[in-house]
Amino acid sequence: MKKKVLILTVIFLSIFLSYSIYFYLNKAQRSRQGQFQRNFVTPPKELLRKDLDPAGVYYFAGKDENSIWLGNEKAPLELLTIAIDKGFSVIGKTLPIRASFERGQLAYVNYPFYIFINGRKRLVQSGMLTSSQPIHTDTISLSFDVAGAAADSAFWLRVSTDKGFQLGYYKLGHTLKETSALTTRGLSALSRDGILLYDERMHLSAYVYFYRNSFLLFDKEGKASKAVNTIDTVSFAQVDLGKPDMKGTRRKNTSTQSINYRADISNSYMYIYSRARTSAQADVNRDSIVIDAYAVNENRYVYSFLVLKKFNNEVIQDLRIVYPYIFLLVKTKVIILKM
């Protein structure tokens, strides 16, 4: 009997200790994120849903005032455009490039210009969507992974350096100009990881850090004009990469939690899908995500709103905004909301 009581006591104490540790760590994490307060406004309303080919792997490839462009990693020469000014009709476009399929090929649009990249081969092909012929083929000295629109006929390439990610400014027909815009915080080069964005109305580009409470704004010449802090206080990547192995590969010793998960900029407002929570707002609907809005001209937080996390059991993978419309990408659909 005494042995049974002892076993039950040990089990009870183990459960109690586990919950105590969980709540302590959870409270500590919220404390690191700061005691900020959000100003919630009425959520946007769903307008319609556009179906995508379930076999495709889609990503946002660009936007302008009247269109959202989608690329497909499994068919990299095929683009889709959702025409806002034509009742959100979906139109297909094939790039006039001869290229055999390879992993890592991506297309990006800065209308009417496009680039078709192969980061592994450091190859960039470019042209105009209104022409049937490519304009230029270029080999870049640095390896790169993703791209994004800049002003006029220019694009950003995110290049790899010995210090981690950096941005290169690439104007069609010119040499890539490497910048020093991205900086490292904390112990990890991952603190440079983030999202390239473009304001279709102000014609300005931006970069939102995944793991830090900051985003960068660039002028029309591709120069970093200012950095703006988000309302939480996470100032460096919460990750330890550890020591390199025999092959030079570094593996994470701790799990990585992005603070700014996805984002977009439109009409001089930055919209960030944020995972930061505080003890004052720990009970935000778990079926929803939080999007924080910032007035970039005034360097200040303005408001937040909630959006459903899943649609037909498919989670949000990315978002784009052409004010007042929000485009949410899930696996087989684009969900269109209106603010």
C-alpha atoms as a PDB file:
ATOM      1  CA  MET A   1       0.000   0.000   0.000  1.00  0.00           C
ATOM      2  CA  LYS A   2       2.800   2.402   0.966  1.00  0.00           C
ATOM      3  CA  LYS A   3       4.623   1.569  -2.284  1.00  0.00           C
ATOM      4  CA  LYS A   4       1.494   2.379  -4.332  1.00  0.00           C
ATOM      5  CA  VAL A   5       1.041   5.713  -2.545  1.00  0.00           C
ATOM      6  CA  LEU A   6       4.706   6.513  -3.161  1.00  0.00           C
ATOM      7  CA  ILE A   7       4.393   5.756  -6.890  1.00  0.00           C
ATOM      8  CA  LEU A   8       1.273   7.957  -7.200  1.00  0.00           C
ATOM      9  CA  THR A   9       3.014  10.747  -5.301  1.00  0.00           C
ATOM     10  CA  VAL A  10       6.024  10.595  -7.634  1.00  0.00           C
ATOM     11  CA  ILE A  11       3.753  10.678 -10.707  1.00  0.00           C
ATOM     12  CA  PHE A  12       1.824  13.652  -9.318  1.00  0.00           C
ATOM     13  CA  LEU A  13       5.001  15.574  -8.493  1.00  0.00           C
ATOM     14  CA  SER A  14       6.427  14.826 -11.962  1.00  0.00           C
ATOM     15  CA  ILE A  15       3.304  16.178 -13.685  1.00  0.00           C
ATOM     16  CA  PHE A  16       3.246  19.225 -11.411  1.00  0.00           C
ATOM     17  CA  LEU A  17       6.925  19.925 -12.065  1.00  0.00           C
ATOM     18  CA  SER A  18       6.491  19.566 -15.854  1.00  0.00           C
ATOM     19  CA  TYR A  19       3.596  22.049 -15.906  1.00  0.00           C
ATOM     20  CA  SER A  20       5.506  24.442 -13.654  1.00  0.00           C
ATOM     21  CA  ILE A  21       8.508  24.418 -16.011  1.00  0.00           C
ATOM     22  CA  TYR A  22       6.231  24.899 -19.048  1.00  0.00           C
ATOM     23  CA  PHE A  23       4.441  27.904 -17.567  1.00  0.00           C
ATOM     24  CA  TYR A  24       7.736  29.418 -16.383  1.00  0.00           C
ATOM     25  CA  LEU A  25       9.352  29.124 -19.832  1.00  0.00           C
ATOM     26  CA  ASN A  26       6.181  30.392 -21.519  1.00  0.00           C
ATOM     27  CA  LYS A  27       6.087  33.407 -19.204  1.00  0.00           C
ATOM     28  CA  ALA A  28       9.796  34.069 -19.793  1.00  0.00           C
ATOM     29  CA  GLN A  29       9.296  33.985 -23.562  1.00  0.00           C
ATOM     30  CA  ARG A  30       6.439  36.502 -23.341  1.00  0.00           C
ATOM     31  CA  SER A  31       8.565  38.660 -21.084  1.00  0.00           C
ATOM     32  CA  ARG A  32      11.321  38.732 -23.724  1.00  0.00           C
ATOM     33  CA  GLN A  33       8.729  39.793 -26.316  1.00  0.00           C
ATOM     34  CA  GLY A  34       7.729  42.765 -24.166  1.00  0.00           C
ATOM     35  CA  GLN A  35       4.503  44.011 -22.613  1.00  0.00           C
ATOM     36  CA  PHE A  36       3.242  45.720 -25.742  1.00  0.00           C
ATOM     37  CA  GLN A  37      -0.482  46.216 -26.313  1.00  0.00           C
ATOM     38  CA  ARG A  38      -2.231  45.717 -29.635  1.00  0.00           C
ATOM     39  CA  ASN A  39      -5.059  47.848 -30.990  1.00  0.00           C
ATOM     40  CA  PHE A  40      -7.440  45.368 -32.631  1.00  0.00           C
ATOM     41  CA  VAL A  41      -9.835  46.547 -35.354  1.00  0.00           C
ATOM     42  CA  THR A  42     -12.619  44.832 -37.321  1.00  0.00           C
ATOM     43  CA  PRO A  43     -11.247  41.818 -39.256  1.00  0.00           C
ATOM     44  CA  PRO A  44     -11.329  41.889 -43.079  1.00  0.00           C
ATOM     45  CA  LYS A  45     -14.177  40.099 -44.865  1.00  0.00           C
ATOM     46  CA  GLU A  46     -13.704  37.207 -47.270  1.00  0.00           C
ATOM     47  CA  LEU A  47     -14.687  37.998 -50.861  1.00  0.00           C
ATOM     48  CA  LEU A  48     -13.929  34.836 -52.826  1.00  0.00           C
ATOM     49  CA  ARG A  49     -11.564  31.913 -53.343  1.00  0.00           C
ATOM     50  CA  LYS A  50      -9.552  31.027 -56.435  1.00  0.00           C
ATOM     51  CA  ASP A  51      -8.618  27.376 -56.978  1.00  0.00           C
ATOM     52  CA  LEU A  52      -5.070  26.375 -57.939  1.00  0.00           C
ATOM     53  CA  ASP A  53      -3.755  23.152 -59.457  1.00  0.00           C
ATOM     54  CA  PRO A  54      -3.296  20.784 -56.462  1.00  0.00           C
ATOM     55  CA  ALA A  55      -0.149  19.385 -58.117  1.00  0.00           C
ATOM     56  CA  GLY A  56       1.561  22.776 -58.157  1.00  0.00           C
ATOM     57  CA  VAL A  57       3.842  24.381 -55.571  1.00  0.00           C
ATOM     58  CA  TYR A  58       2.959  28.058 -55.751  1.00  0.00           C
ATOM     59  CA  TYR A  59       4.594  31.245 -54.500  1.00  0.00           C
ATOM     60  CA  PHE A  60       3.975  34.959 -54.942  1.00  0.00           C
ATOM     61  CA  ALA A  61       6.094  36.191 -57.857  1.00  0.00           C
ATOM     62  CA  GLY A  62       5.220  39.902 -57.890  1.00  0.00           C
ATOM     63  CA  LYS A  63       2.430  42.474 -57.966  1.00  0.00           C
ATOM     64  CA  ASP A  64       1.363  45.838 -59.326  1.00  0.00           C
ATOM     65  CA  GLU A  65      -1.674  48.046 -58.711  1.00  0.00           C
ATOM     66  CA  ASN A  66      -3.938  45.795 -60.779  1.00  0.00           C
ATOM     67  CA  SER A  67      -2.435  42.325 -60.492  1.00  0.00           C
ATOM     68  CA  ILE A  68      -0.981  39.648 -58.258  1.00  0.00           C
ATOM     69  CA  TRP A  69       1.491  37.265 -59.908  1.00  0.00           C
ATOM     70  CA  LEU A  70       1.995  33.628 -58.908  1.00  0.00           C
ATOM     71  CA  GLY A  71       4.843  31.321 -59.848  1.00  0.00           C
ATOM     72  CA  ASN A  72       4.894  27.528 -59.742  1.00  0.00           C
ATOM     73  CA  GLU A  73       8.069  25.754 -58.599  1.00  0.00           C
ATOM     74  CA  LYS A  74       7.059  22.633 -60.538  1.00  0.00           C
ATOM     75  CA  ALA A  75       6.434  24.585 -63.763  1.00  0.00           C
ATOM     76  CA  PRO A  76       8.808  27.568 -63.408  1.00  0.00           C
ATOM     77  CA  LEU A  77       8.104  29.047 -66.868  1.00  0.00           C
ATOM     78  CA  GLU A  78       4.369  29.243 -66.161  1.00  0.00           C
ATOM     79  CA  LEU A  79       2.970  32.313 -64.393  1.00  0.00           C
ATOM     80  CA  LEU A  80      -0.546  33.071 -63.200  1.00  0.00           C
ATOM     81  CA  THR A  81      -1.893  36.561 -62.716  1.00  0.00           C
ATOM     82  CA  ILE A  82      -4.975  37.453 -60.683  1.00  0.00           C
ATOM     83  CA  ALA A  83      -6.340  40.552 -62.430  1.00  0.00           C
ATOM     84  CA  ILE A  84      -7.876  42.810 -59.764  1.00  0.00           C
ATOM     85  CA  ASP A  85      -9.326  45.193 -62.350  1.00  0.00           C
ATOM     86  CA  LYS A  86     -10.994  42.308 -64.231  1.00  0.00           C
ATOM     87  CA  GLY A  87     -13.050  40.839 -61.413  1.00  0.00           C
ATOM     88  CA  PHE A  88     -10.101  38.811 -60.040  1.00  0.00           C
ATOM     89  CA  SER A  89      -9.995  36.626 -63.141  1.00  0.00           C
ATOM     90  CA  VAL A  90      -7.014  34.250 -63.348  1.00  0.00           C
ATOM     91  CA  ILE A  91      -4.881  34.485 -66.507  1.00  0.00           C
ATOM     92  CA  GLY A  92      -1.959  32.258 -67.499  1.00  0.00           C
ATOM     93  CA  LYS A  93       1.319  33.459 -69.045  1.00  0.00           C
ATOM     94  CA  THR A  94       4.269  31.419 -70.363  1.00  0.00           C
ATOM     95  CA  LEU A  95       7.704  33.032 -70.296  1.00  0.00           C
ATOM     96  CA  PRO A  96       9.474  33.043 -73.728  1.00  0.00           C
ATOM     97  CA  ILE A  97      12.532  31.210 -72.417  1.00  0.00           C
ATOM     98  CA  ARG A  98      14.040  27.887 -73.454  1.00  0.00           C
ATOM     99  CA  ALA A  99      15.095  26.069 -70.319  1.00  0.00           C
ATOM    100  CA  SER A 100      14.954  22.461 -69.133  1.00  0.00           C
ATOM    101  CA  PHE A 101      13.358  21.996 -65.724  1.00  0.00           C
ATOM    102  CA  GLU A 102      15.688  22.157 -62.726  1.00  0.00           C
ATOM    103  CA  ARG A 103      15.024  22.544 -59.028  1.00  0.00           C
ATOM    104  CA  GLY A 104      15.544  26.069 -57.759  1.00  0.00           C
ATOM    105  CA  GLN A 105      14.314  27.840 -60.904  1.00  0.00           C
ATOM    106  CA  LEU A 106      12.059  30.778 -59.995  1.00  0.00           C
ATOM    107  CA  ALA A 107      10.431  33.641 -61.888  1.00  0.00           C
ATOM    108  CA  TYR A 108       9.699  37.139 -60.545  1.00  0.00           C
ATOM    109  CA  VAL A 109       7.753  40.029 -62.036  1.00  0.00           C
ATOM    110  CA  ASN A 110       8.297  43.787 -61.837  1.00  0.00           C
ATOM    111  CA  TYR A 111       5.770  44.618 -64.527  1.00  0.00           C
ATOM    112  CA  PRO A 112       6.385  44.768 -67.447  1.00  0.00           C
ATOM    113  CA  PHE A 113       9.782  43.208 -66.670  1.00  0.00           C
ATOM    114  CA  TYR A 114      10.525  39.713 -65.391  1.00  0.00           C
ATOM    115  CA  ILE A 115      13.570  37.728 -64.332  1.00  0.00           C
ATOM    116  CA  PHE A 116      14.008  33.976 -64.448  1.00  0.00           C
ATOM    117  CA  ILE A 117      16.649  32.795 -61.997  1.00  0.00           C
ATOM    118  CA  ASN A 118      18.652  29.659 -61.322  1.00  0.00           C
ATOM    119  CA  GLY A 119      20.483  30.338 -58.067  1.00  0.00           C
ATOM    120  CA  ARG A 120      22.536  27.159 -58.177  1.00  0.00           C
ATOM    121  CA  LYS A 121      24.007  28.063 -61.573  1.00  0.00           C
ATOM    122  CA  ARG A 122      24.072  31.798 -60.684  1.00  0.00           C
ATOM    123  CA  LEU A 123      22.110  32.431 -63.879  1.00  0.00           C
ATOM    124  CA  VAL A 124      19.653  35.283 -64.489  1.00  0.00           C
ATOM    125  CA  GLN A 125      17.543  35.614 -67.643  1.00  0.00           C
ATOM    126  CA  SER A 126      15.352  38.668 -68.087  1.00  0.00           C
ATOM    127  CA  GLY A 127      12.858  40.171 -70.481  1.00  0.00           C
ATOM    128  CA  MET A 128       9.542  41.953 -70.863  1.00  0.00           C
ATOM    129  CA  LEU A 129       6.172  40.260 -70.507  1.00  0.00           C
ATOM    130  CA  THR A 130       4.976  42.293 -73.505  1.00  0.00           C
ATOM    131  CA  SER A 131       7.708  40.832 -75.747  1.00  0.00           C
ATOM    132  CA  SER A 132       8.235  37.356 -77.172  1.00  0.00           C
ATOM    133  CA  GLN A 133      12.028  37.545 -76.831  1.00  0.00           C
ATOM    134  CA  PRO A 134      14.288  37.517 -73.757  1.00  0.00           C
ATOM    135  CA  ILE A 135      16.331  40.697 -73.291  1.00  0.00           C
ATOM    136  CA  HIS A 136      19.402  39.590 -71.418  1.00  0.00           C
ATOM    137  CA  THR A 137      21.215  36.606 -69.902  1.00  0.00           C
ATOM    138  CA  ASP A 138      23.689  37.188 -67.095  1.00  0.00           C
ATOM    139  CA  THR A 139      25.879  35.089 -64.798  1.00  0.00           C
ATOM    140  CA  ILE A 140      26.170  36.437 -61.253  1.00  0.00           C
ATOM    141  CA  SER A 141      29.461  36.156 -59.336  1.00  0.00           C
ATOM    142  CA  LEU A 142      27.694  35.222 -56.075  1.00  0.00           C
ATOM    143  CA  SER A 143      25.222  32.425 -55.422  1.00  0.00           C
ATOM    144  CA  PHE A 144      21.694  33.533 -54.531  1.00  0.00           C
ATOM    145  CA  ASP A 145      18.315  32.046 -53.669  1.00  0.00           C
ATOM    146  CA  VAL A 146      15.366  34.456 -54.041  1.00  0.00           C
ATOM    147  CA  ALA A 147      14.573  37.778 -55.703  1.00  0.00           C
ATOM    148  CA  GLY A 148      12.101  40.632 -55.452  1.00  0.00           C
ATOM    149  CA  ALA A 149      11.059  43.746 -57.332  1.00  0.00           C
ATOM    150  CA  ALA A 150      12.847  47.068 -56.903  1.00  0.00           C
ATOM    151  CA  ALA A 151      12.109  50.381 -58.618  1.00  0.00           C
ATOM    152  CA  ASP A 152      11.728  50.668 -62.419  1.00  0.00           C
ATOM    153  CA  SER A 153      13.534  47.852 -64.275  1.00  0.00           C
ATOM    154  CA  ALA A 154      15.460  46.615 -61.225  1.00  0.00           C
ATOM    155  CA  PHE A 155      15.278  43.629 -58.881  1.00  0.00           C
ATOM    156  CA  TRP A 156      16.788  42.576 -55.577  1.00  0.00           C
ATOM    157  CA  LEU A 157      18.721  39.306 -55.365  1.00  0.00           C
ATOM    158  CA  ARG A 158      19.429  37.818 -51.959  1.00  0.00           C
ATOM    159  CA  VAL A 159      23.014  36.609 -52.268  1.00  0.00           C
ATOM    160  CA  SER A 160      25.106  34.369 -50.023  1.00  0.00           C
ATOM    161  CA  THR A 161      28.341  35.723 -48.550  1.00  0.00           C
ATOM    162  CA  ASP A 162      30.802  34.475 -45.938  1.00  0.00           C
ATOM    163  CA  LYS A 163      28.912  36.599 -43.385  1.00  0.00           C
ATOM    164  CA  GLY A 164      25.467  35.264 -44.308  1.00  0.00           C
ATOM    165  CA  PHE A 165      22.703  36.651 -46.502  1.00  0.00           C
ATOM    166  CA  GLN A 166      23.126  40.025 -48.174  1.00  0.00           C
ATOM    167  CA  LEU A 167      21.148  41.991 -50.767  1.00  0.00           C
ATOM    168  CA  GLY A 168      22.329  42.710 -54.286  1.00  0.00           C
ATOM    169  CA  TYR A 169      20.744  45.419 -56.442  1.00  0.00           C
ATOM    170  CA  TYR A 170      20.345  44.196 -60.021  1.00  0.00           C
ATOM    171  CA  LYS A 171      19.222  46.587 -62.750  1.00  0.00           C
ATOM    172  CA  LEU A 172      18.531  44.769 -65.998  1.00  0.00           C
ATOM    173  CA  GLY A 173      21.532  44.961 -68.301  1.00  0.00           C
ATOM    174  CA  HIS A 174      23.869  46.176 -65.530  1.00  0.00           C
ATOM    175  CA  THR A 175      26.304  44.560 -63.088  1.00  0.00           C
ATOM    176  CA  LEU A 176      24.979  43.351 -59.742  1.00  0.00           C
ATOM    177  CA  LYS A 177      25.745  45.808 -56.921  1.00  0.00           C
ATOM    178  CA  GLU A 178      26.252  44.122 -53.557  1.00  0.00           C
ATOM    179  CA  THR A 179      25.039  46.188 -50.595  1.00  0.00           C
ATOM    180  CA  SER A 180      25.752  46.084 -46.859  1.00  0.00           C
ATOM    181  CA  ALA A 181      22.097  46.596 -45.901  1.00  0.00           C
ATOM    182  CA  LEU A 182      21.627  43.381 -43.903  1.00  0.00           C
ATOM    183  CA  THR A 183      23.375  43.167 -40.540  1.00  0.00           C
ATOM    184  CA  THR A 184      23.884  40.376 -38.007  1.00  0.00           C
ATOM    185  CA  ARG A 185      22.439  40.413 -34.492  1.00  0.00           C
ATOM    186  CA  GLY A 186      23.125  37.871 -31.753  1.00  0.00           C
ATOM    187  CA  LEU A 187      25.192  34.755 -32.449  1.00  0.00           C
ATOM    188  CA  SER A 188      23.586  33.611 -35.649  1.00  0.00           C
ATOM    189  CA  ALA A 189      23.838  34.578 -39.305  1.00  0.00           C
ATOM    190  CA  LEU A 190      20.188  33.457 -39.446  1.00  0.00           C
ATOM    191  CA  SER A 191      19.360  36.858 -37.981  1.00  0.00           C
ATOM    192  CA  ARG A 192      19.763  38.160 -41.566  1.00  0.00           C
ATOM    193  CA  ASP A 193      17.042  35.873 -42.904  1.00  0.00           C
ATOM    194  CA  GLY A 194      13.852  37.576 -44.017  1.00  0.00           C
ATOM    195  CA  ILE A 195      11.382  38.582 -46.742  1.00  0.00           C
ATOM    196  CA  LEU A 196      11.818  40.850 -49.784  1.00  0.00           C
ATOM    197  CA  LEU A 197       8.766  43.054 -50.412  1.00  0.00           C
ATOM    198  CA  TYR A 198       7.600  45.805 -52.793  1.00  0.00           C
ATOM    199  CA  ASP A 199       5.044  48.617 -52.412  1.00  0.00           C
ATOM    200  CA  GLU A 200       3.231  48.664 -55.757  1.00  0.00           C
ATOM    201  CA  ARG A 201       1.962  52.231 -55.308  1.00  0.00           C
ATOM    202  CA  MET A 202       4.907  54.016 -53.706  1.00  0.00           C
ATOM    203  CA  HIS A 203       7.409  51.949 -55.765  1.00  0.00           C
ATOM    204  CA  LEU A 204       9.551  51.311 -52.708  1.00  0.00           C
ATOM    205  CA  SER A 205      11.011  47.996 -51.566  1.00  0.00           C
ATOM    206  CA  ALA A 206      11.456  46.621 -48.060  1.00  0.00           C
ATOM    207  CA  TYR A 207      13.008  43.721 -46.171  1.00  0.00           C
ATOM    208  CA  VAL A 208      11.380  42.238 -43.065  1.00  0.00           C
ATOM    209  CA  TYR A 209      13.599  40.188 -40.739  1.00  0.00           C
ATOM    210  CA  PHE A 210      12.114  36.844 -39.671  1.00  0.00           C
ATOM    211  CA  TYR A 211      13.758  36.708 -36.242  1.00  0.00           C
ATOM    212  CA  ARG A 212      14.129  40.358 -35.218  1.00  0.00           C
ATOM    213  CA  ASN A 213      11.849  43.248 -34.327  1.00  0.00           C
ATOM    214  CA  SER A 214      12.868  45.284 -37.349  1.00  0.00           C
ATOM    215  CA  PHE A 215      12.312  45.896 -41.054  1.00  0.00           C
ATOM    216  CA  LEU A 216      14.256  47.937 -43.628  1.00  0.00           C
ATOM    217  CA  LEU A 217      12.969  50.404 -46.219  1.00  0.00           C
ATOM    218  CA  PHE A 218      14.798  51.279 -49.449  1.00  0.00           C
ATOM    219  CA  ASP A 219      14.590  54.303 -51.708  1.00  0.00           C
ATOM    220  CA  LYS A 220      14.081  54.183 -55.492  1.00  0.00           C
ATOM    221  CA  GLU A 221      17.834  53.945 -56.065  1.00  0.00           C
ATOM    222  CA  GLY A 222      18.093  50.798 -53.961  1.00  0.00           C
ATOM    223  CA  LYS A 223      19.717  52.464 -50.952  1.00  0.00           C
ATOM    224  CA  ALA A 224      18.580  51.604 -47.432  1.00  0.00           C
ATOM    225  CA  SER A 225      16.711  54.685 -46.216  1.00  0.00           C
ATOM    226  CA  LYS A 226      15.715  53.637 -42.682  1.00  0.00           C
ATOM    227  CA  ALA A 227      15.020  50.805 -40.259  1.00  0.00           C
ATOM    228  CA  VAL A 228      11.737  50.591 -38.353  1.00  0.00           C
ATOM    229  CA  ASN A 229      11.187  48.543 -35.185  1.00  0.00           C
ATOM    230  CA  THR A 230       8.106  46.405 -34.642  1.00  0.00           C
ATOM    231  CA  ILE A 231       6.136  46.541 -31.393  1.00  0.00           C
ATOM    232  CA  ASP A 232       7.709  43.448 -29.782  1.00  0.00           C
ATOM    233  CA  THR A 233      11.246  43.524 -28.364  1.00  0.00           C
ATOM    234  CA  VAL A 234      12.941  40.450 -29.891  1.00  0.00           C
ATOM    235  CA  SER A 235      16.157  41.998 -31.207  1.00  0.00           C
ATOM    236  CA  PHE A 236      18.077  38.914 -32.369  1.00  0.00           C
ATOM    237  CA  ALA A 237      17.530  35.393 -33.663  1.00  0.00           C
ATOM    238  CA  GLN A 238      16.557  32.994 -30.878  1.00  0.00           C
ATOM    239  CA  VAL A 239      18.784  30.203 -32.165  1.00  0.00           C
ATOM    240  CA  ASP A 240      22.209  28.673 -31.578  1.00  0.00           C
ATOM    241  CA  LEU A 241      23.756  27.115 -34.691  1.00  0.00           C
ATOM    242  CA  GLY A 242      26.481  25.256 -32.821  1.00  0.00           C
ATOM    243  CA  LYS A 243      29.942  24.286 -34.098  1.00  0.00           C
ATOM    244  CA  PRO A 244      30.561  23.111 -37.695  1.00  0.00           C
ATOM    245  CA  ASP A 245      30.996  19.382 -38.337  1.00  0.00           C
ATOM    246  CA  MET A 246      33.710  17.724 -40.496  1.00  0.00           C
ATOM    247  CA  LYS A 247      32.002  19.005 -43.668  1.00  0.00           C
ATOM    248  CA  GLY A 248      31.601  22.542 -42.331  1.00  0.00           C
ATOM    249  CA  THR A 249      27.859  22.180 -41.845  1.00  0.00           C
ATOM    250  CA  ARG A 250      26.309  23.886 -38.823  1.00  0.00           C
ATOM    251  CA  ARG A 251      23.249  22.343 -37.201  1.00  0.00           C
ATOM    252  CA  LYS A 252      20.790  24.041 -34.904  1.00  0.00           C
ATOM    253  CA  ASN A 253      21.205  23.277 -31.204  1.00  0.00           C
ATOM    254  CA  THR A 254      17.905  24.973 -30.403  1.00  0.00           C
ATOM    255  CA  SER A 255      14.598  25.282 -32.195  1.00  0.00           C
ATOM    256  CA  THR A 256      14.020  28.424 -34.262  1.00  0.00           C
ATOM    257  CA  GLN A 257      10.845  30.465 -33.805  1.00  0.00           C
ATOM    258  CA  SER A 258      10.306  33.271 -36.292  1.00  0.00           C
ATOM    259  CA  ILE A 259       8.674  36.401 -34.900  1.00  0.00           C
ATOM    260  CA  ASN A 260       7.693  37.994 -38.220  1.00  0.00           C
ATOM    261  CA  TYR A 261       6.411  34.969 -40.117  1.00  0.00           C
ATOM    262  CA  ARG A 262       5.139  36.642 -43.323  1.00  0.00           C
ATOM    263  CA  ALA A 263       4.585  40.241 -44.411  1.00  0.00           C
ATOM    264  CA  ASP A 264       3.791  42.677 -47.204  1.00  0.00           C
ATOM    265  CA  ILE A 265       3.861  46.417 -47.858  1.00  0.00           C
ATOM    266  CA  SER A 266       1.146  48.359 -49.683  1.00  0.00           C
ATOM    267  CA  ASN A 267       0.021  51.983 -49.866  1.00  0.00           C
ATOM    268  CA  SER A 268       2.773  53.041 -47.396  1.00  0.00           C
ATOM    269  CA  TYR A 269       1.635  50.509 -44.765  1.00  0.00           C
ATOM    270  CA  MET A 270       3.620  47.475 -43.659  1.00  0.00           C
ATOM    271  CA  TYR A 271       1.509  44.440 -42.715  1.00  0.00           C
ATOM    272  CA  ILE A 272       3.252  41.746 -40.660  1.00  0.00           C
ATOM    273  CA  TYR A 273       1.885  38.319 -39.779  1.00  0.00           C
ATOM    274  CA  SER A 274       3.364  38.254 -36.276  1.00  0.00           C
ATOM    275  CA  ARG A 275       3.808  35.320 -33.908  1.00  0.00           C
ATOM    276  CA  ALA A 276       4.776  37.541 -30.973  1.00  0.00           C
ATOM    277  CA  ARG A 277       2.460  37.250 -27.977  1.00  0.00           C
ATOM    278  CA  THR A 278       2.367  38.912 -24.566  1.00  0.00           C
ATOM    279  CA  SER A 279       0.969  37.776 -21.229  1.00  0.00           C
ATOM    280  CA  ALA A 280      -1.750  40.407 -21.665  1.00  0.00           C
ATOM    281  CA  GLN A 281      -2.850  38.816 -24.950  1.00  0.00           C
ATOM    282  CA  ALA A 282      -2.090  35.149 -24.450  1.00  0.00           C
ATOM    283  CA  ASP A 283      -5.697  34.189 -25.083  1.00  0.00           C
ATOM    284  CA  VAL A 284      -5.949  35.507 -28.653  1.00  0.00           C
ATOM    285  CA  ASN A 285      -8.059  33.079 -30.667  1.00  0.00           C
ATOM    286  CA  ARG A 286      -5.795  30.094 -31.433  1.00  0.00           C
ATOM    287  CA  ASP A 287      -7.676  29.512 -34.709  1.00  0.00           C
ATOM    288  CA  SER A 288      -6.562  32.938 -35.966  1.00  0.00           C
ATOM    289  CA  ILE A 289      -3.349  34.715 -36.865  1.00  0.00           C
ATOM    290  CA  VAL A 290      -2.461  38.304 -35.949  1.00  0.00           C
ATOM    291  CA  ILE A 291      -1.511  40.860 -38.607  1.00  0.00           C
ATOM    292  CA  ASP A 292       0.064  44.099 -37.344  1.00  0.00           C
ATOM    293  CA  ALA A 293      -0.052  47.257 -39.480  1.00  0.00           C
ATOM    294  CA  TYR A 294       2.597  50.017 -39.446  1.00  0.00           C
ATOM    295  CA  ALA A 295       2.529  53.456 -41.090  1.00  0.00           C
ATOM    296  CA  VAL A 296       6.018  53.424 -42.602  1.00  0.00           C
ATOM    297  CA  ASN A 297       6.089  57.168 -43.349  1.00  0.00           C
ATOM    298  CA  GLU A 298       5.495  57.863 -39.653  1.00  0.00           C
ATOM    299  CA  ASN A 299       7.604  54.982 -38.263  1.00  0.00           C
ATOM    300  CA  ARG A 300       4.805  53.816 -35.986  1.00  0.00           C
ATOM    301  CA  TYR A 301       2.503  50.911 -35.220  1.00  0.00           C
ATOM    302  CA  VAL A 302      -1.177  51.666 -36.042  1.00  0.00           C
ATOM    303  CA  TYR A 303      -3.475  48.657 -35.563  1.00  0.00           C
ATOM    304  CA  SER A 304      -3.888  44.863 -35.722  1.00  0.00           C
ATOM    305  CA  PHE A 305      -6.523  42.479 -36.982  1.00  0.00           C
ATOM    306  CA  LEU A 306      -7.224  38.747 -36.912  1.00  0.00           C
ATOM    307  CA  VAL A 307      -7.465  36.378 -39.878  1.00  0.00           C
ATOM    308  CA  LEU A 308      -8.366  32.681 -39.824  1.00  0.00           C
ATOM    309  CA  LYS A 309      -5.288  30.458 -39.627  1.00  0.00           C
ATOM    310  CA  LYS A 310      -6.726  27.683 -41.811  1.00  0.00           C
ATOM    311  CA  PHE A 311      -9.088  27.460 -44.770  1.00  0.00           C
ATOM    312  CA  ASN A 312     -10.528  23.988 -45.418  1.00  0.00           C
ATOM    313  CA  ASN A 313      -7.764  22.634 -43.157  1.00  0.00           C
ATOM    314  CA  GLU A 314      -5.030  24.285 -45.247  1.00  0.00           C
ATOM    315  CA  VAL A 315      -2.773  26.682 -43.351  1.00  0.00           C
ATOM    316  CA  ILE A 316      -1.713  30.087 -44.664  1.00  0.00           C
ATOM    317  CA  GLN A 317       1.639  29.835 -46.459  1.00  0.00           C
ATOM    318  CA  ASP A 318       2.079  33.452 -47.506  1.00  0.00           C
ATOM    319  CA  LEU A 319       0.214  36.723 -48.040  1.00  0.00           C
ATOM    320  CA  ARG A 320       0.246  39.721 -50.373  1.00  0.00           C
ATOM    321  CA  ILE A 321      -1.687  42.965 -50.139  1.00  0.00           C
ATOM    322  CA  VAL A 322      -2.838  45.437 -52.768  1.00  0.00           C
ATOM    323  CA  TYR A 323      -4.830  47.779 -50.567  1.00  0.00           C
ATOM    324  CA  PRO A 324      -7.657  47.206 -49.679  1.00  0.00           C
ATOM    325  CA  TYR A 325      -7.371  43.553 -50.809  1.00  0.00           C
ATOM    326  CA  ILE A 326      -5.512  40.787 -48.969  1.00  0.00           C
ATOM    327  CA  PHE A 327      -4.416  37.678 -50.884  1.00  0.00           C
ATOM    328  CA  LEU A 328      -3.749  34.605 -48.733  1.00  0.00           C
ATOM    329  CA  LEU A 329      -1.945  31.670 -50.326  1.00  0.00           C
ATOM    330  CA  VAL A 330      -2.777  28.172 -49.090  1.00  0.00           C
ATOM    331  CA  LYS A 331      -1.819  24.923 -50.807  1.00  0.00           C
ATOM    332  CA  THR A 332      -4.634  24.724 -53.367  1.00  0.00           C
ATOM    333  CA  LYS A 333      -6.240  28.174 -53.243  1.00  0.00           C
ATOM    334  CA  VAL A 334      -5.808  31.905 -53.052  1.00  0.00           C
ATOM    335  CA  ILE A 335      -8.210  33.440 -50.516  1.00  0.00           C
ATOM    336  CA  ILE A 336      -9.136  37.070 -51.246  1.00  0.00           C
ATOM    337  CA  LEU A 337     -10.206  39.324 -48.358  1.00  0.00           C
ATOM    338  CA  LYS A 338     -11.159  42.999 -48.233  1.00  0.00           C
ATOM    339  CA  MET A 339     -10.205  45.385 -45.431  1.00  0.00           C
END
